[in-house]
């Protein structure tokens, strides 16, 4: 998405949602980035994940939940969430 924005795409971004439940965080990230792409950089992506987790689970669990959420693509590679 960052590359698309860097190439001047500003008017319309389309995403196929499909099954929403296992994709809540990625869709939230997409919408937040679509709203304000300039707020994101390589140094603050984990903070975004921590804010999302704090909204869902509370501040006391946010850091650990974000750590687990960020590990999921590495641990579930090749598997489908509906399996």
C-alpha atoms as a PDB file:
ATOM      1  CA  UNK A   1       0.000   0.000   0.000  1.00  0.00           C
ATOM      2  CA  UNK A   2       2.858   2.334   0.762  1.00  0.00           C
ATOM      3  CA  UNK A   3       4.266   1.798  -2.739  1.00  0.00           C
ATOM      4  CA  UNK A   4       0.865   2.500  -4.289  1.00  0.00           C
ATOM      5  CA  UNK A   5       0.583   5.750  -2.339  1.00  0.00           C
ATOM      6  CA  UNK A   6       4.150   6.690  -3.307  1.00  0.00           C
ATOM      7  CA  UNK A   7       3.161   6.291  -6.982  1.00  0.00           C
ATOM      8  CA  UNK A   8       0.382   8.849  -6.613  1.00  0.00           C
ATOM      9  CA  UNK A   9      -2.725   6.730  -6.111  1.00  0.00           C
ATOM     10  CA  UNK A  10      -4.921   8.944  -3.923  1.00  0.00           C
ATOM     11  CA  UNK A  11      -8.553   8.729  -5.019  1.00  0.00           C
ATOM     12  CA  UNK A  12      -9.684   5.131  -4.671  1.00  0.00           C
ATOM     13  CA  UNK A  13      -8.371   2.057  -2.917  1.00  0.00           C
ATOM     14  CA  UNK A  14     -10.373  -1.160  -3.103  1.00  0.00           C
ATOM     15  CA  UNK A  15     -10.096  -4.180  -0.851  1.00  0.00           C
ATOM     16  CA  UNK A  16     -11.908  -7.507  -1.096  1.00  0.00           C
ATOM     17  CA  UNK A  17     -12.914  -8.247   2.480  1.00  0.00           C
ATOM     18  CA  UNK A  18     -14.102 -11.840   2.105  1.00  0.00           C
ATOM     19  CA  UNK A  19     -14.353 -13.506   5.510  1.00  0.00           C
ATOM     20  CA  UNK A  20     -14.019 -10.633   7.972  1.00  0.00           C
ATOM     21  CA  UNK A  21     -13.479 -12.461  11.256  1.00  0.00           C
ATOM     22  CA  UNK A  22      -9.915 -13.745  10.782  1.00  0.00           C
ATOM     23  CA  UNK A  23      -8.936 -10.499   9.035  1.00  0.00           C
ATOM     24  CA  UNK A  24      -9.999  -7.885  11.597  1.00  0.00           C
ATOM     25  CA  UNK A  25      -6.524  -6.494  12.208  1.00  0.00           C
ATOM     26  CA  UNK A  26      -5.336  -6.457   8.570  1.00  0.00           C
ATOM     27  CA  UNK A  27      -8.538  -4.686   7.501  1.00  0.00           C
ATOM     28  CA  UNK A  28      -8.215  -2.196  10.360  1.00  0.00           C
ATOM     29  CA  UNK A  29      -4.620  -1.546   9.290  1.00  0.00           C
ATOM     30  CA  UNK A  30      -5.686  -1.093   5.657  1.00  0.00           C
ATOM     31  CA  UNK A  31      -8.412   1.390   6.572  1.00  0.00           C
ATOM     32  CA  UNK A  32      -6.136   3.365   8.904  1.00  0.00           C
ATOM     33  CA  UNK A  33      -3.440   3.520   6.241  1.00  0.00           C
ATOM     34  CA  UNK A  34      -5.955   4.489   3.558  1.00  0.00           C
ATOM     35  CA  UNK A  35      -7.201   7.310   5.804  1.00  0.00           C
ATOM     36  CA  UNK A  36      -3.734   8.730   6.551  1.00  0.00           C
ATOM     37  CA  UNK A  37      -0.845   6.918   4.803  1.00  0.00           C
ATOM     38  CA  UNK A  38       1.739   9.425   5.956  1.00  0.00           C
ATOM     39  CA  UNK A  39       1.272   8.453   9.608  1.00  0.00           C
ATOM     40  CA  UNK A  40       2.988   5.091   8.971  1.00  0.00           C
ATOM     41  CA  UNK A  41       6.666   4.280   8.749  1.00  0.00           C
ATOM     42  CA  UNK A  42       8.829   1.247   9.467  1.00  0.00           C
ATOM     43  CA  UNK A  43       9.511   2.514  12.984  1.00  0.00           C
ATOM     44  CA  UNK A  44       5.926   2.771  14.215  1.00  0.00           C
ATOM     45  CA  UNK A  45       4.126  -0.268  12.818  1.00  0.00           C
ATOM     46  CA  UNK A  46       4.270  -2.173  16.111  1.00  0.00           C
ATOM     47  CA  UNK A  47       2.688   0.813  17.895  1.00  0.00           C
ATOM     48  CA  UNK A  48      -0.279   0.560  15.541  1.00  0.00           C
ATOM     49  CA  UNK A  49      -0.662  -3.121  16.407  1.00  0.00           C
ATOM     50  CA  UNK A  50      -0.426  -2.335  20.128  1.00  0.00           C
ATOM     51  CA  UNK A  51      -3.135   0.350  19.837  1.00  0.00           C
ATOM     52  CA  UNK A  52      -5.411  -2.099  18.025  1.00  0.00           C
ATOM     53  CA  UNK A  53      -4.862  -4.737  20.717  1.00  0.00           C
ATOM     54  CA  UNK A  54      -5.449  -2.201  23.491  1.00  0.00           C
ATOM     55  CA  UNK A  55      -8.804  -1.287  21.913  1.00  0.00           C
ATOM     56  CA  UNK A  56      -9.804  -4.950  21.706  1.00  0.00           C
ATOM     57  CA  UNK A  57      -8.329  -6.389  24.914  1.00  0.00           C
ATOM     58  CA  UNK A  58      -7.371  -3.497  27.184  1.00  0.00           C
ATOM     59  CA  UNK A  59      -4.083  -1.777  27.936  1.00  0.00           C
ATOM     60  CA  UNK A  60      -2.867  -4.492  30.316  1.00  0.00           C
ATOM     61  CA  UNK A  61      -2.786  -7.109  27.538  1.00  0.00           C
ATOM     62  CA  UNK A  62      -1.884  -4.901  24.568  1.00  0.00           C
ATOM     63  CA  UNK A  63       1.884  -5.455  24.324  1.00  0.00           C
ATOM     64  CA  UNK A  64       1.749  -9.244  24.651  1.00  0.00           C
ATOM     65  CA  UNK A  65      -1.258  -9.551  22.332  1.00  0.00           C
ATOM     66  CA  UNK A  66       0.479  -7.375  19.731  1.00  0.00           C
ATOM     67  CA  UNK A  67       3.606  -9.530  19.975  1.00  0.00           C
ATOM     68  CA  UNK A  68       1.525 -12.662  19.350  1.00  0.00           C
ATOM     69  CA  UNK A  69      -0.487 -11.030  16.567  1.00  0.00           C
ATOM     70  CA  UNK A  70       2.711  -9.994  14.783  1.00  0.00           C
ATOM     71  CA  UNK A  71       4.094 -13.543  15.085  1.00  0.00           C
ATOM     72  CA  UNK A  72       1.034 -15.152  13.502  1.00  0.00           C
ATOM     73  CA  UNK A  73       2.031 -14.734   9.824  1.00  0.00           C
ATOM     74  CA  UNK A  74       5.299 -16.533  10.601  1.00  0.00           C
ATOM     75  CA  UNK A  75       3.693 -19.391  12.517  1.00  0.00           C
ATOM     76  CA  UNK A  76       0.681 -19.943  10.252  1.00  0.00           C
ATOM     77  CA  UNK A  77       2.452 -19.704   6.896  1.00  0.00           C
ATOM     78  CA  UNK A  78       0.817 -22.036   4.445  1.00  0.00           C
ATOM     79  CA  UNK A  79      -2.248 -22.702   6.561  1.00  0.00           C
ATOM     80  CA  UNK A  80      -5.729 -21.334   5.965  1.00  0.00           C
ATOM     81  CA  UNK A  81      -7.583 -19.769   8.947  1.00  0.00           C
ATOM     82  CA  UNK A  82     -10.694 -21.843   8.202  1.00  0.00           C
ATOM     83  CA  UNK A  83      -8.906 -25.214   8.328  1.00  0.00           C
END
